[in-house]
Amino acid sequence: MTTAVRVRGLTKRYGDVQAVGGIDLDISAGEVFAILGPNGAGKSTTVEIMEGYRTRDGGEVSVLGTDPNRPTREWRSRIGVVLQTTNDVAEATVRVIVLTTYETDQDIVRAVEAGAAGYLLKDTSRADLLGAVVSAARGETVLSPSVATRLVTRMRAPVTESLSPREVEVLTLVAEGLTNAKVGKALFVSETTVKTHLLRVFGKLGVSDRTAAVITALGRGLLTR
């Protein structure tokens, strides 16, 4: 059977954080393949490297016979990708409107930052949806009223909150590679409490996973290396 994806010795670091530490895998054409693991295990990073949206530090990767580090337009046209977030929309040829039930600040901002032309909720009427498509095609930005309100409120809000001492402790241990369970054991709290602290950290930093939280906190000087 033809091999669609071949990975050997894949590695990726974010500063002092080892996100991916030597992955080998083969995916055959037509195979459904899932990458499972706890938060911070490097799943998203691995997939993004295979998609060509993140460069690797080491190892070999071949997807459909092409190195994702050297993608061509023809290769990109064969890759179907739904990213968590991206700033790389230079090659986008369509305008995208997000139609969803989610209206948290984080979801909205991530969609807009990724280049979405609009963000509508699923209770939008058929007439308004059609109008939004036409407006987006003209190059306009379309937002549900409640979404627009949330964005304006966010823009007027004070600068990002600082992390509490306990949140810094939790994130520091995460940066050292500890799982939620091990962080809880080290701090004498339950794994559920650790997850609660991390969710608050994600919200304050505007991220959605452990790796991004560590990188962002290091970049803002909230953690010491």
N, C-alpha and C. Protein backbone atom coordinates (compact mmCIF):
# COMPACT_ATOMS: atom_id res chain seq x y z
N MET A 1 0.85 -1.20 0.00
CA MET A 1 0.00 0.00 0.00
C MET A 1 0.88 1.25 0.00
N THR A 2 0.47 2.28 -0.75
CA THR A 2 1.25 3.52 -0.87
C THR A 2 1.29 4.27 0.46
N THR A 3 2.47 4.78 0.81
CA THR A 3 2.63 5.57 2.03
C THR A 3 2.35 7.03 1.72
N ALA A 4 1.35 7.60 2.38
CA ALA A 4 1.00 9.00 2.16
C ALA A 4 1.83 9.93 3.03
N VAL A 5 2.10 9.48 4.26
CA VAL A 5 2.87 10.30 5.21
C VAL A 5 3.97 9.45 5.83
N ARG A 6 5.18 9.98 5.83
CA ARG A 6 6.32 9.28 6.44
C ARG A 6 7.08 10.27 7.31
N VAL A 7 7.23 9.94 8.58
CA VAL A 7 7.93 10.81 9.53
C VAL A 7 9.00 10.00 10.24
N ARG A 8 10.21 10.56 10.33
CA ARG A 8 11.31 9.90 11.01
C ARG A 8 12.09 10.89 11.88
N GLY A 9 12.16 10.58 13.18
CA GLY A 9 12.95 11.39 14.10
C GLY A 9 12.53 12.84 14.21
N LEU A 10 11.24 13.12 14.12
CA LEU A 10 10.74 14.50 14.15
C LEU A 10 10.96 15.14 15.51
N THR A 11 11.55 16.34 15.51
CA THR A 11 11.78 17.08 16.75
C THR A 11 11.38 18.54 16.57
N LYS A 12 10.92 19.15 17.66
CA LYS A 12 10.57 20.57 17.66
C LYS A 12 10.66 21.11 19.08
N ARG A 13 11.33 22.25 19.23
CA ARG A 13 11.44 22.91 20.53
C ARG A 13 10.90 24.32 20.42
N TYR A 14 10.35 24.82 21.55
CA TYR A 14 9.97 26.21 21.68
C TYR A 14 10.79 26.76 22.84
N GLY A 15 11.92 27.35 22.53
CA GLY A 15 12.80 27.79 23.60
C GLY A 15 13.33 26.59 24.37
N ASP A 16 13.08 26.57 25.67
CA ASP A 16 13.53 25.46 26.51
C ASP A 16 12.54 24.31 26.55
N VAL A 17 11.39 24.47 25.89
CA VAL A 17 10.35 23.45 25.93
C VAL A 17 10.49 22.49 24.75
N GLN A 18 10.62 21.20 25.06
CA GLN A 18 10.68 20.17 24.02
C GLN A 18 9.25 19.76 23.69
N ALA A 19 8.72 20.25 22.57
CA ALA A 19 7.34 19.95 22.20
C ALA A 19 7.22 18.58 21.54
N VAL A 20 8.17 18.24 20.69
CA VAL A 20 8.18 16.95 19.99
C VAL A 20 9.59 16.37 20.10
N GLY A 21 9.67 15.14 20.59
CA GLY A 21 10.99 14.57 20.87
C GLY A 21 11.32 13.30 20.12
N GLY A 22 11.26 13.31 18.81
CA GLY A 22 11.69 12.16 18.04
C GLY A 22 10.57 11.21 17.67
N ILE A 23 9.65 11.67 16.84
CA ILE A 23 8.50 10.86 16.45
C ILE A 23 8.75 10.15 15.11
N ASP A 24 8.39 8.87 15.05
CA ASP A 24 8.41 8.10 13.81
C ASP A 24 6.99 7.61 13.54
N LEU A 25 6.52 7.78 12.31
CA LEU A 25 5.21 7.23 11.97
C LEU A 25 5.05 7.11 10.46
N ASP A 26 4.18 6.19 10.06
CA ASP A 26 3.84 5.99 8.65
C ASP A 26 2.32 5.93 8.54
N ILE A 27 1.78 6.64 7.57
CA ILE A 27 0.35 6.63 7.33
C ILE A 27 0.12 6.24 5.87
N SER A 28 -0.64 5.19 5.67
CA SER A 28 -0.89 4.71 4.31
C SER A 28 -2.00 5.51 3.65
N ALA A 29 -1.99 5.55 2.33
CA ALA A 29 -3.05 6.22 1.58
C ALA A 29 -4.39 5.58 1.90
N GLY A 30 -5.38 6.40 2.24
CA GLY A 30 -6.70 5.89 2.57
C GLY A 30 -6.88 5.51 4.02
N GLU A 31 -5.83 5.58 4.81
CA GLU A 31 -5.90 5.20 6.22
C GLU A 31 -6.39 6.37 7.06
N VAL A 32 -7.23 6.08 8.06
CA VAL A 32 -7.64 7.08 9.03
C VAL A 32 -6.71 6.95 10.23
N PHE A 33 -6.00 8.02 10.56
CA PHE A 33 -4.95 7.96 11.57
C PHE A 33 -5.18 9.05 12.61
N ALA A 34 -5.18 8.69 13.88
CA ALA A 34 -5.40 9.67 14.96
C ALA A 34 -4.16 9.75 15.84
N ILE A 35 -3.81 10.95 16.26
CA ILE A 35 -2.70 11.16 17.21
C ILE A 35 -3.32 11.57 18.54
N LEU A 36 -3.14 10.74 19.55
CA LEU A 36 -3.75 10.96 20.86
C LEU A 36 -2.68 11.24 21.91
N GLY A 37 -3.05 11.99 22.93
CA GLY A 37 -2.12 12.26 24.02
C GLY A 37 -2.63 13.39 24.89
N PRO A 38 -2.05 13.58 26.06
CA PRO A 38 -2.48 14.65 26.97
C PRO A 38 -2.11 16.02 26.43
N ASN A 39 -2.67 17.07 27.02
CA ASN A 39 -2.32 18.43 26.64
C ASN A 39 -0.82 18.64 26.77
N GLY A 40 -0.23 19.29 25.77
CA GLY A 40 1.20 19.55 25.83
C GLY A 40 2.06 18.43 25.30
N ALA A 41 1.43 17.37 24.78
CA ALA A 41 2.21 16.22 24.30
C ALA A 41 2.82 16.47 22.92
N GLY A 42 2.41 17.54 22.25
CA GLY A 42 2.97 17.86 20.95
C GLY A 42 2.11 17.44 19.77
N LYS A 43 0.84 17.11 20.02
CA LYS A 43 -0.04 16.65 18.95
C LYS A 43 -0.24 17.72 17.89
N SER A 44 -0.65 18.90 18.31
CA SER A 44 -0.93 19.98 17.36
C SER A 44 0.34 20.36 16.60
N THR A 45 1.46 20.43 17.31
CA THR A 45 2.72 20.78 16.66
C THR A 45 3.07 19.77 15.59
N THR A 46 2.92 18.49 15.90
CA THR A 46 3.23 17.43 14.94
C THR A 46 2.37 17.55 13.69
N VAL A 47 1.06 17.73 13.90
CA VAL A 47 0.15 17.84 12.76
C VAL A 47 0.45 19.09 11.94
N GLU A 48 0.71 20.21 12.60
CA GLU A 48 0.99 21.45 11.88
C GLU A 48 2.28 21.35 11.07
N ILE A 49 3.26 20.60 11.57
CA ILE A 49 4.49 20.38 10.80
C ILE A 49 4.18 19.57 9.55
N MET A 50 3.35 18.54 9.69
CA MET A 50 2.99 17.72 8.54
C MET A 50 2.15 18.51 7.53
N GLU A 51 1.41 19.50 8.02
CA GLU A 51 0.59 20.33 7.14
C GLU A 51 1.42 21.37 6.39
N GLY A 52 2.63 21.63 6.91
CA GLY A 52 3.45 22.67 6.30
C GLY A 52 3.23 24.04 6.89
N TYR A 53 2.53 24.10 8.02
CA TYR A 53 2.27 25.38 8.67
C TYR A 53 3.19 25.66 9.85
N ARG A 54 4.12 24.75 10.10
CA ARG A 54 5.12 24.98 11.14
C ARG A 54 6.38 24.23 10.73
N THR A 55 7.53 24.87 10.91
CA THR A 55 8.78 24.24 10.53
C THR A 55 9.29 23.35 11.66
N ARG A 56 10.01 22.31 11.30
CA ARG A 56 10.57 21.39 12.30
C ARG A 56 12.01 21.78 12.60
N ASP A 57 12.50 21.29 13.73
CA ASP A 57 13.91 21.51 14.08
C ASP A 57 14.79 20.38 13.56
N GLY A 58 14.23 19.16 13.53
CA GLY A 58 15.02 18.03 13.09
C GLY A 58 14.15 16.90 12.60
N GLY A 59 14.77 15.94 11.92
CA GLY A 59 14.04 14.79 11.42
C GLY A 59 13.63 14.94 9.97
N GLU A 60 12.94 13.94 9.46
CA GLU A 60 12.50 13.93 8.07
C GLU A 60 10.98 13.77 8.01
N VAL A 61 10.35 14.52 7.12
CA VAL A 61 8.90 14.45 6.94
C VAL A 61 8.58 14.46 5.45
N SER A 62 7.75 13.54 5.03
CA SER A 62 7.29 13.50 3.64
C SER A 62 5.78 13.29 3.65
N VAL A 63 5.06 14.20 3.00
CA VAL A 63 3.61 14.10 2.89
C VAL A 63 3.24 14.16 1.41
N LEU A 64 2.65 13.09 0.91
CA LEU A 64 2.30 12.99 -0.51
C LEU A 64 3.53 13.22 -1.38
N GLY A 65 4.67 12.71 -0.88
CA GLY A 65 5.91 12.78 -1.65
C GLY A 65 6.62 14.12 -1.60
N THR A 66 6.15 15.03 -0.75
CA THR A 66 6.74 16.36 -0.67
C THR A 66 7.14 16.69 0.76
N ASP A 67 8.28 17.39 0.91
CA ASP A 67 8.69 17.87 2.22
C ASP A 67 7.86 19.11 2.56
N PRO A 68 7.05 19.07 3.63
CA PRO A 68 6.22 20.23 3.99
C PRO A 68 7.01 21.51 4.22
N ASN A 69 8.31 21.39 4.48
CA ASN A 69 9.13 22.60 4.64
C ASN A 69 9.36 23.31 3.31
N ARG A 70 9.10 22.59 2.19
CA ARG A 70 9.27 23.17 0.87
C ARG A 70 8.00 22.95 0.05
N PRO A 71 6.88 23.49 0.51
CA PRO A 71 5.59 23.24 -0.15
C PRO A 71 5.45 23.99 -1.47
N THR A 72 4.73 23.41 -2.38
CA THR A 72 4.38 24.08 -3.63
C THR A 72 2.89 24.39 -3.60
N ARG A 73 2.45 25.24 -4.51
CA ARG A 73 1.02 25.57 -4.56
C ARG A 73 0.21 24.32 -4.91
N GLU A 74 0.74 23.49 -5.80
CA GLU A 74 0.04 22.27 -6.19
C GLU A 74 -0.10 21.33 -5.00
N TRP A 75 0.95 21.24 -4.19
CA TRP A 75 0.90 20.38 -3.00
C TRP A 75 -0.12 20.91 -2.01
N ARG A 76 -0.11 22.22 -1.78
CA ARG A 76 -1.07 22.82 -0.83
C ARG A 76 -2.51 22.57 -1.28
N SER A 77 -2.73 22.55 -2.59
CA SER A 77 -4.09 22.34 -3.08
C SER A 77 -4.61 20.95 -2.77
N ARG A 78 -3.71 20.02 -2.42
CA ARG A 78 -4.11 18.64 -2.11
C ARG A 78 -4.27 18.41 -0.61
N ILE A 79 -3.92 19.41 0.19
CA ILE A 79 -3.96 19.26 1.65
C ILE A 79 -5.19 19.97 2.21
N GLY A 80 -6.06 19.23 2.89
CA GLY A 80 -7.22 19.84 3.54
C GLY A 80 -6.92 20.08 5.00
N VAL A 81 -6.96 21.34 5.41
CA VAL A 81 -6.53 21.69 6.76
C VAL A 81 -7.54 22.60 7.44
N VAL A 82 -7.87 22.29 8.71
CA VAL A 82 -8.64 23.19 9.55
C VAL A 82 -7.75 23.52 10.74
N LEU A 83 -7.15 24.71 10.72
CA LEU A 83 -6.18 25.09 11.75
C LEU A 83 -6.86 25.60 13.01
N GLN A 84 -6.15 25.43 14.13
CA GLN A 84 -6.63 26.01 15.39
C GLN A 84 -6.47 27.52 15.32
N THR A 85 -5.36 27.96 14.76
CA THR A 85 -5.08 29.38 14.62
C THR A 85 -3.94 29.54 13.65
N THR A 86 -3.92 30.65 12.92
CA THR A 86 -2.82 30.91 12.00
C THR A 86 -2.80 32.37 11.62
N ASN A 87 -1.61 32.87 11.31
CA ASN A 87 -1.46 34.23 10.80
C ASN A 87 -1.05 34.19 9.33
N ASP A 88 -0.92 32.99 8.78
CA ASP A 88 -0.45 32.83 7.42
C ASP A 88 -1.64 32.62 6.49
N VAL A 89 -2.14 33.72 5.92
CA VAL A 89 -3.26 33.61 5.00
C VAL A 89 -2.91 34.22 3.64
N ALA A 90 -1.60 34.33 3.39
CA ALA A 90 -1.14 34.99 2.17
C ALA A 90 -1.65 34.30 0.91
N GLU A 91 -1.81 32.97 0.97
CA GLU A 91 -2.21 32.23 -0.22
C GLU A 91 -3.71 31.92 -0.24
N ALA A 92 -4.45 32.51 0.68
CA ALA A 92 -5.89 32.25 0.71
C ALA A 92 -6.54 32.83 -0.55
N THR A 93 -7.42 32.07 -1.17
CA THR A 93 -8.08 32.53 -2.40
C THR A 93 -9.58 32.69 -2.19
N VAL A 94 -10.07 32.44 -1.00
CA VAL A 94 -11.49 32.61 -0.71
C VAL A 94 -11.63 33.39 0.60
N ARG A 95 -12.78 33.99 0.78
CA ARG A 95 -13.07 34.66 2.04
C ARG A 95 -13.95 33.74 2.87
N VAL A 96 -13.63 33.62 4.15
CA VAL A 96 -14.29 32.64 5.01
C VAL A 96 -15.16 33.33 6.06
N ILE A 97 -16.37 32.84 6.20
CA ILE A 97 -17.26 33.29 7.28
C ILE A 97 -17.45 32.12 8.23
N VAL A 98 -17.19 32.34 9.50
CA VAL A 98 -17.38 31.31 10.51
C VAL A 98 -18.83 31.33 10.96
N LEU A 99 -19.50 30.18 10.87
CA LEU A 99 -20.89 30.04 11.34
C LEU A 99 -20.87 29.01 12.47
N THR A 100 -21.16 29.44 13.68
CA THR A 100 -20.91 28.59 14.84
C THR A 100 -21.87 28.88 15.97
N THR A 101 -21.86 28.01 16.97
CA THR A 101 -22.64 28.25 18.19
C THR A 101 -21.76 28.86 19.28
N TYR A 102 -20.44 28.91 19.03
CA TYR A 102 -19.51 29.40 20.04
C TYR A 102 -19.30 30.91 19.92
N GLU A 103 -19.40 31.61 21.04
CA GLU A 103 -19.16 33.05 20.99
C GLU A 103 -18.31 33.54 22.17
N THR A 104 -17.34 32.71 22.57
CA THR A 104 -16.41 33.16 23.60
C THR A 104 -15.42 34.13 22.97
N ASP A 105 -14.84 35.00 23.78
CA ASP A 105 -13.87 35.96 23.28
C ASP A 105 -12.73 35.25 22.56
N GLN A 106 -12.26 34.15 23.15
CA GLN A 106 -11.12 33.44 22.58
C GLN A 106 -11.45 32.88 21.20
N ASP A 107 -12.62 32.27 21.04
CA ASP A 107 -13.01 31.72 19.74
C ASP A 107 -13.12 32.82 18.69
N ILE A 108 -13.73 33.93 19.06
CA ILE A 108 -13.93 35.02 18.12
C ILE A 108 -12.60 35.61 17.68
N VAL A 109 -11.74 35.92 18.65
CA VAL A 109 -10.45 36.54 18.33
C VAL A 109 -9.60 35.62 17.47
N ARG A 110 -9.58 34.33 17.80
CA ARG A 110 -8.78 33.39 17.02
C ARG A 110 -9.25 33.34 15.57
N ALA A 111 -10.56 33.37 15.36
CA ALA A 111 -11.10 33.32 14.00
C ALA A 111 -10.72 34.58 13.22
N VAL A 112 -10.86 35.73 13.86
CA VAL A 112 -10.55 36.99 13.21
C VAL A 112 -9.05 37.08 12.91
N GLU A 113 -8.23 36.69 13.88
CA GLU A 113 -6.78 36.73 13.67
C GLU A 113 -6.35 35.77 12.55
N ALA A 114 -7.11 34.68 12.37
CA ALA A 114 -6.78 33.71 11.33
C ALA A 114 -7.20 34.19 9.95
N GLY A 115 -7.91 35.32 9.90
CA GLY A 115 -8.27 35.88 8.61
C GLY A 115 -9.72 35.74 8.21
N ALA A 116 -10.58 35.29 9.13
CA ALA A 116 -12.01 35.13 8.80
C ALA A 116 -12.61 36.47 8.40
N ALA A 117 -13.45 36.46 7.36
CA ALA A 117 -14.10 37.68 6.90
C ALA A 117 -15.34 37.99 7.73
N GLY A 118 -15.80 37.00 8.49
CA GLY A 118 -16.98 37.21 9.30
C GLY A 118 -17.13 36.15 10.36
N TYR A 119 -17.94 36.44 11.36
CA TYR A 119 -18.20 35.51 12.46
C TYR A 119 -19.67 35.64 12.81
N LEU A 120 -20.44 34.62 12.43
CA LEU A 120 -21.87 34.64 12.65
C LEU A 120 -22.30 33.47 13.54
N LEU A 121 -23.36 33.69 14.30
CA LEU A 121 -23.90 32.63 15.14
C LEU A 121 -24.98 31.87 14.38
N LYS A 122 -25.24 30.63 14.82
CA LYS A 122 -26.15 29.78 14.07
C LYS A 122 -27.62 30.19 14.16
N ASP A 123 -27.91 31.19 14.99
CA ASP A 123 -29.30 31.68 15.00
C ASP A 123 -29.49 32.80 13.99
N THR A 124 -28.47 33.06 13.17
CA THR A 124 -28.57 34.07 12.12
C THR A 124 -29.63 33.63 11.11
N SER A 125 -30.51 34.53 10.72
CA SER A 125 -31.57 34.19 9.77
C SER A 125 -30.98 33.89 8.39
N ARG A 126 -31.74 33.17 7.58
CA ARG A 126 -31.28 32.83 6.24
C ARG A 126 -31.01 34.09 5.41
N ALA A 127 -31.87 35.08 5.55
CA ALA A 127 -31.71 36.33 4.79
C ALA A 127 -30.43 37.05 5.21
N ASP A 128 -30.18 37.12 6.54
CA ASP A 128 -28.98 37.79 7.02
C ASP A 128 -27.73 37.02 6.61
N LEU A 129 -27.82 35.69 6.60
CA LEU A 129 -26.67 34.87 6.20
C LEU A 129 -26.34 35.12 4.73
N LEU A 130 -27.36 35.17 3.89
CA LEU A 130 -27.14 35.44 2.47
C LEU A 130 -26.53 36.82 2.28
N GLY A 131 -27.05 37.80 3.04
CA GLY A 131 -26.50 39.15 2.95
C GLY A 131 -25.05 39.20 3.39
N ALA A 132 -24.72 38.40 4.42
CA ALA A 132 -23.34 38.36 4.91
C ALA A 132 -22.39 37.80 3.87
N VAL A 133 -22.84 36.77 3.16
CA VAL A 133 -22.01 36.17 2.10
C VAL A 133 -21.72 37.19 1.01
N VAL A 134 -22.74 37.93 0.62
CA VAL A 134 -22.57 38.95 -0.41
C VAL A 134 -21.62 40.05 0.08
N SER A 135 -21.79 40.47 1.34
CA SER A 135 -20.94 41.52 1.90
C SER A 135 -19.49 41.05 1.97
N ALA A 136 -19.27 39.81 2.41
CA ALA A 136 -17.91 39.27 2.51
C ALA A 136 -17.26 39.21 1.13
N ALA A 137 -18.04 38.85 0.12
CA ALA A 137 -17.52 38.78 -1.25
C ALA A 137 -17.08 40.16 -1.74
N ARG A 138 -17.71 41.22 -1.18
CA ARG A 138 -17.33 42.59 -1.55
C ARG A 138 -16.11 43.07 -0.76
N GLY A 139 -15.64 42.23 0.17
CA GLY A 139 -14.47 42.61 0.95
C GLY A 139 -14.81 43.20 2.30
N GLU A 140 -16.09 43.16 2.69
CA GLU A 140 -16.51 43.71 3.97
C GLU A 140 -16.40 42.65 5.08
N THR A 141 -16.35 43.11 6.32
CA THR A 141 -16.33 42.22 7.47
C THR A 141 -17.73 42.14 8.05
N VAL A 142 -18.21 40.92 8.31
CA VAL A 142 -19.57 40.75 8.83
C VAL A 142 -19.53 40.03 10.18
N LEU A 143 -20.24 40.60 11.15
CA LEU A 143 -20.27 40.05 12.50
C LEU A 143 -21.69 40.05 13.04
N SER A 144 -22.03 39.01 13.78
CA SER A 144 -23.31 39.02 14.50
C SER A 144 -23.27 40.16 15.51
N PRO A 145 -24.39 40.83 15.79
CA PRO A 145 -24.40 41.95 16.74
C PRO A 145 -23.74 41.62 18.08
N SER A 146 -24.05 40.44 18.64
CA SER A 146 -23.47 40.09 19.94
C SER A 146 -21.96 39.88 19.84
N VAL A 147 -21.52 39.38 18.69
CA VAL A 147 -20.08 39.18 18.48
C VAL A 147 -19.37 40.52 18.39
N ALA A 148 -19.96 41.46 17.67
CA ALA A 148 -19.38 42.79 17.54
C ALA A 148 -19.28 43.45 18.92
N THR A 149 -20.33 43.27 19.73
CA THR A 149 -20.33 43.84 21.07
C THR A 149 -19.20 43.26 21.92
N ARG A 150 -19.00 41.93 21.83
CA ARG A 150 -17.95 41.29 22.61
C ARG A 150 -16.57 41.80 22.19
N LEU A 151 -16.38 41.99 20.89
CA LEU A 151 -15.09 42.48 20.40
C LEU A 151 -14.81 43.90 20.89
N VAL A 152 -15.84 44.74 20.83
CA VAL A 152 -15.67 46.12 21.30
C VAL A 152 -15.38 46.14 22.80
N THR A 153 -16.11 45.33 23.56
CA THR A 153 -15.89 45.26 25.00
C THR A 153 -14.49 44.79 25.31
N ARG A 154 -14.02 43.81 24.56
CA ARG A 154 -12.66 43.29 24.77
C ARG A 154 -11.62 44.37 24.48
N MET A 155 -11.83 45.13 23.40
CA MET A 155 -10.88 46.19 23.04
C MET A 155 -10.81 47.27 24.11
N ARG A 156 -11.94 47.50 24.80
CA ARG A 156 -11.97 48.55 25.82
C ARG A 156 -11.53 48.06 27.19
N ALA A 157 -11.38 46.74 27.31
CA ALA A 157 -11.01 46.16 28.61
C ALA A 157 -9.58 46.53 28.98
N PRO A 158 -9.25 46.49 30.28
CA PRO A 158 -7.89 46.77 30.73
C PRO A 158 -6.91 45.75 30.15
N VAL A 159 -5.64 46.08 30.25
CA VAL A 159 -4.59 45.19 29.76
C VAL A 159 -4.70 43.84 30.45
N THR A 160 -4.24 42.77 29.76
CA THR A 160 -4.34 41.40 30.26
C THR A 160 -3.96 41.27 31.73
N GLU A 161 -4.76 40.51 32.46
CA GLU A 161 -4.49 40.28 33.87
C GLU A 161 -3.17 39.55 34.06
N SER A 162 -2.55 39.80 35.20
CA SER A 162 -1.33 39.06 35.50
C SER A 162 -1.71 37.70 36.09
N LEU A 163 -0.76 36.77 36.05
CA LEU A 163 -1.00 35.45 36.61
C LEU A 163 -0.83 35.48 38.12
N SER A 164 -1.64 34.71 38.81
CA SER A 164 -1.52 34.62 40.27
C SER A 164 -0.28 33.79 40.60
N PRO A 165 0.23 33.90 41.84
CA PRO A 165 1.39 33.11 42.24
C PRO A 165 1.16 31.61 42.02
N ARG A 166 -0.03 31.12 42.32
CA ARG A 166 -0.31 29.70 42.14
C ARG A 166 -0.32 29.34 40.66
N GLU A 167 -0.88 30.21 39.83
CA GLU A 167 -0.90 29.94 38.39
C GLU A 167 0.52 29.91 37.83
N VAL A 168 1.39 30.76 38.35
CA VAL A 168 2.79 30.75 37.92
C VAL A 168 3.45 29.43 38.33
N GLU A 169 3.16 28.97 39.55
CA GLU A 169 3.71 27.69 40.02
C GLU A 169 3.29 26.54 39.11
N VAL A 170 2.00 26.52 38.78
CA VAL A 170 1.47 25.45 37.92
C VAL A 170 2.12 25.50 36.55
N LEU A 171 2.19 26.69 35.96
CA LEU A 171 2.74 26.82 34.61
C LEU A 171 4.24 26.53 34.57
N THR A 172 4.93 26.86 35.66
CA THR A 172 6.36 26.57 35.73
C THR A 172 6.59 25.06 35.69
N LEU A 173 5.78 24.31 36.41
CA LEU A 173 5.92 22.85 36.41
C LEU A 173 5.52 22.27 35.06
N VAL A 174 4.53 22.86 34.42
CA VAL A 174 4.14 22.42 33.08
C VAL A 174 5.30 22.64 32.12
N ALA A 175 5.98 23.78 32.26
CA ALA A 175 7.12 24.10 31.40
C ALA A 175 8.26 23.09 31.60
N GLU A 176 8.29 22.48 32.77
CA GLU A 176 9.33 21.47 33.05
C GLU A 176 8.94 20.10 32.49
N GLY A 177 7.74 20.02 31.89
CA GLY A 177 7.32 18.79 31.25
C GLY A 177 6.44 17.89 32.08
N LEU A 178 5.98 18.36 33.25
CA LEU A 178 5.15 17.53 34.11
C LEU A 178 3.71 17.46 33.58
N THR A 179 3.09 16.31 33.74
CA THR A 179 1.68 16.14 33.39
C THR A 179 0.82 16.81 34.45
N ASN A 180 -0.46 16.96 34.17
CA ASN A 180 -1.36 17.57 35.16
C ASN A 180 -1.36 16.79 36.46
N ALA A 181 -1.33 15.47 36.35
CA ALA A 181 -1.35 14.62 37.54
C ALA A 181 -0.09 14.86 38.38
N LYS A 182 1.06 14.94 37.71
CA LYS A 182 2.32 15.15 38.45
C LYS A 182 2.41 16.55 39.03
N VAL A 183 1.84 17.53 38.32
CA VAL A 183 1.82 18.89 38.85
C VAL A 183 0.99 18.90 40.13
N GLY A 184 -0.18 18.23 40.09
CA GLY A 184 -1.03 18.16 41.27
C GLY A 184 -0.33 17.51 42.44
N LYS A 185 0.40 16.44 42.17
CA LYS A 185 1.13 15.74 43.23
C LYS A 185 2.20 16.62 43.83
N ALA A 186 2.90 17.39 42.97
CA ALA A 186 3.98 18.26 43.45
C ALA A 186 3.45 19.41 44.30
N LEU A 187 2.24 19.87 43.98
CA LEU A 187 1.66 21.01 44.70
C LEU A 187 0.62 20.60 45.74
N PHE A 188 0.42 19.26 45.88
CA PHE A 188 -0.51 18.72 46.86
C PHE A 188 -1.94 19.19 46.60
N VAL A 189 -2.32 19.20 45.32
CA VAL A 189 -3.69 19.52 44.94
C VAL A 189 -4.17 18.46 43.95
N SER A 190 -5.46 18.43 43.69
CA SER A 190 -6.01 17.44 42.77
C SER A 190 -5.70 17.80 41.32
N GLU A 191 -5.80 16.80 40.45
CA GLU A 191 -5.58 17.04 39.02
C GLU A 191 -6.65 17.99 38.49
N THR A 192 -7.86 17.90 39.02
CA THR A 192 -8.94 18.79 38.60
C THR A 192 -8.61 20.24 38.92
N THR A 193 -8.02 20.47 40.09
CA THR A 193 -7.62 21.83 40.48
C THR A 193 -6.57 22.36 39.53
N VAL A 194 -5.63 21.50 39.14
CA VAL A 194 -4.58 21.89 38.19
C VAL A 194 -5.21 22.32 36.87
N LYS A 195 -6.17 21.52 36.39
CA LYS A 195 -6.85 21.84 35.13
C LYS A 195 -7.58 23.18 35.22
N THR A 196 -8.18 23.44 36.39
CA THR A 196 -8.88 24.70 36.58
C THR A 196 -7.92 25.88 36.50
N HIS A 197 -6.76 25.74 37.16
CA HIS A 197 -5.74 26.79 37.10
C HIS A 197 -5.29 27.01 35.66
N LEU A 198 -5.08 25.92 34.91
CA LEU A 198 -4.61 26.04 33.53
C LEU A 198 -5.65 26.72 32.64
N LEU A 199 -6.92 26.41 32.86
CA LEU A 199 -7.97 27.05 32.08
C LEU A 199 -7.98 28.56 32.32
N ARG A 200 -7.75 28.94 33.57
CA ARG A 200 -7.68 30.38 33.87
C ARG A 200 -6.47 31.01 33.21
N VAL A 201 -5.36 30.29 33.22
CA VAL A 201 -4.14 30.77 32.56
C VAL A 201 -4.40 30.94 31.06
N PHE A 202 -5.04 29.93 30.44
CA PHE A 202 -5.32 30.00 29.01
C PHE A 202 -6.15 31.25 28.70
N GLY A 203 -7.16 31.50 29.53
CA GLY A 203 -8.01 32.65 29.31
C GLY A 203 -7.26 33.97 29.43
N LYS A 204 -6.39 34.08 30.43
CA LYS A 204 -5.63 35.31 30.64
C LYS A 204 -4.62 35.55 29.52
N LEU A 205 -4.04 34.47 29.00
CA LEU A 205 -3.01 34.61 27.98
C LEU A 205 -3.57 34.56 26.56
N GLY A 206 -4.87 34.20 26.45
CA GLY A 206 -5.47 34.14 25.13
C GLY A 206 -4.98 32.98 24.29
N VAL A 207 -4.73 31.82 24.95
CA VAL A 207 -4.25 30.63 24.24
C VAL A 207 -5.20 29.47 24.52
N SER A 208 -4.91 28.31 23.88
CA SER A 208 -5.83 27.19 24.05
C SER A 208 -5.15 25.89 24.44
N ASP A 209 -3.82 25.92 24.65
CA ASP A 209 -3.16 24.68 25.05
C ASP A 209 -1.94 24.99 25.92
N ARG A 210 -1.39 23.95 26.54
CA ARG A 210 -0.30 24.09 27.49
C ARG A 210 0.97 24.64 26.85
N THR A 211 1.31 24.12 25.68
CA THR A 211 2.53 24.56 25.01
C THR A 211 2.48 26.04 24.68
N ALA A 212 1.36 26.48 24.11
CA ALA A 212 1.21 27.89 23.77
C ALA A 212 1.23 28.77 25.02
N ALA A 213 0.67 28.27 26.13
CA ALA A 213 0.67 29.03 27.38
C ALA A 213 2.09 29.26 27.88
N VAL A 214 2.90 28.20 27.83
CA VAL A 214 4.29 28.31 28.29
C VAL A 214 5.07 29.29 27.41
N ILE A 215 4.92 29.16 26.08
CA ILE A 215 5.64 30.02 25.15
C ILE A 215 5.24 31.48 25.35
N THR A 216 3.93 31.73 25.48
CA THR A 216 3.43 33.09 25.65
C THR A 216 3.91 33.68 26.98
N ALA A 217 3.84 32.88 28.04
CA ALA A 217 4.27 33.37 29.36
C ALA A 217 5.76 33.68 29.38
N LEU A 218 6.56 32.85 28.71
CA LEU A 218 8.00 33.12 28.63
C LEU A 218 8.24 34.41 27.85
N GLY A 219 7.51 34.56 26.75
CA GLY A 219 7.69 35.75 25.93
C GLY A 219 7.32 37.03 26.64
N ARG A 220 6.36 36.94 27.56
CA ARG A 220 5.93 38.14 28.30
C ARG A 220 6.70 38.32 29.60
N GLY A 221 7.62 37.43 29.86
CA GLY A 221 8.41 37.53 31.08
C GLY A 221 7.67 37.11 32.34
N LEU A 222 6.58 36.35 32.17
CA LEU A 222 5.81 35.90 33.32
C LEU A 222 6.42 34.66 33.95
N LEU A 223 7.27 33.96 33.19
CA LEU A 223 8.01 32.80 33.70
C LEU A 223 9.48 33.05 33.50
N THR A 224 10.30 32.53 34.40
CA THR A 224 11.75 32.62 34.25
C THR A 224 12.27 31.35 33.62
N ARG A 225 13.26 31.46 32.75
CA ARG A 225 13.80 30.29 32.07
C ARG A 225 14.66 29.48 33.00
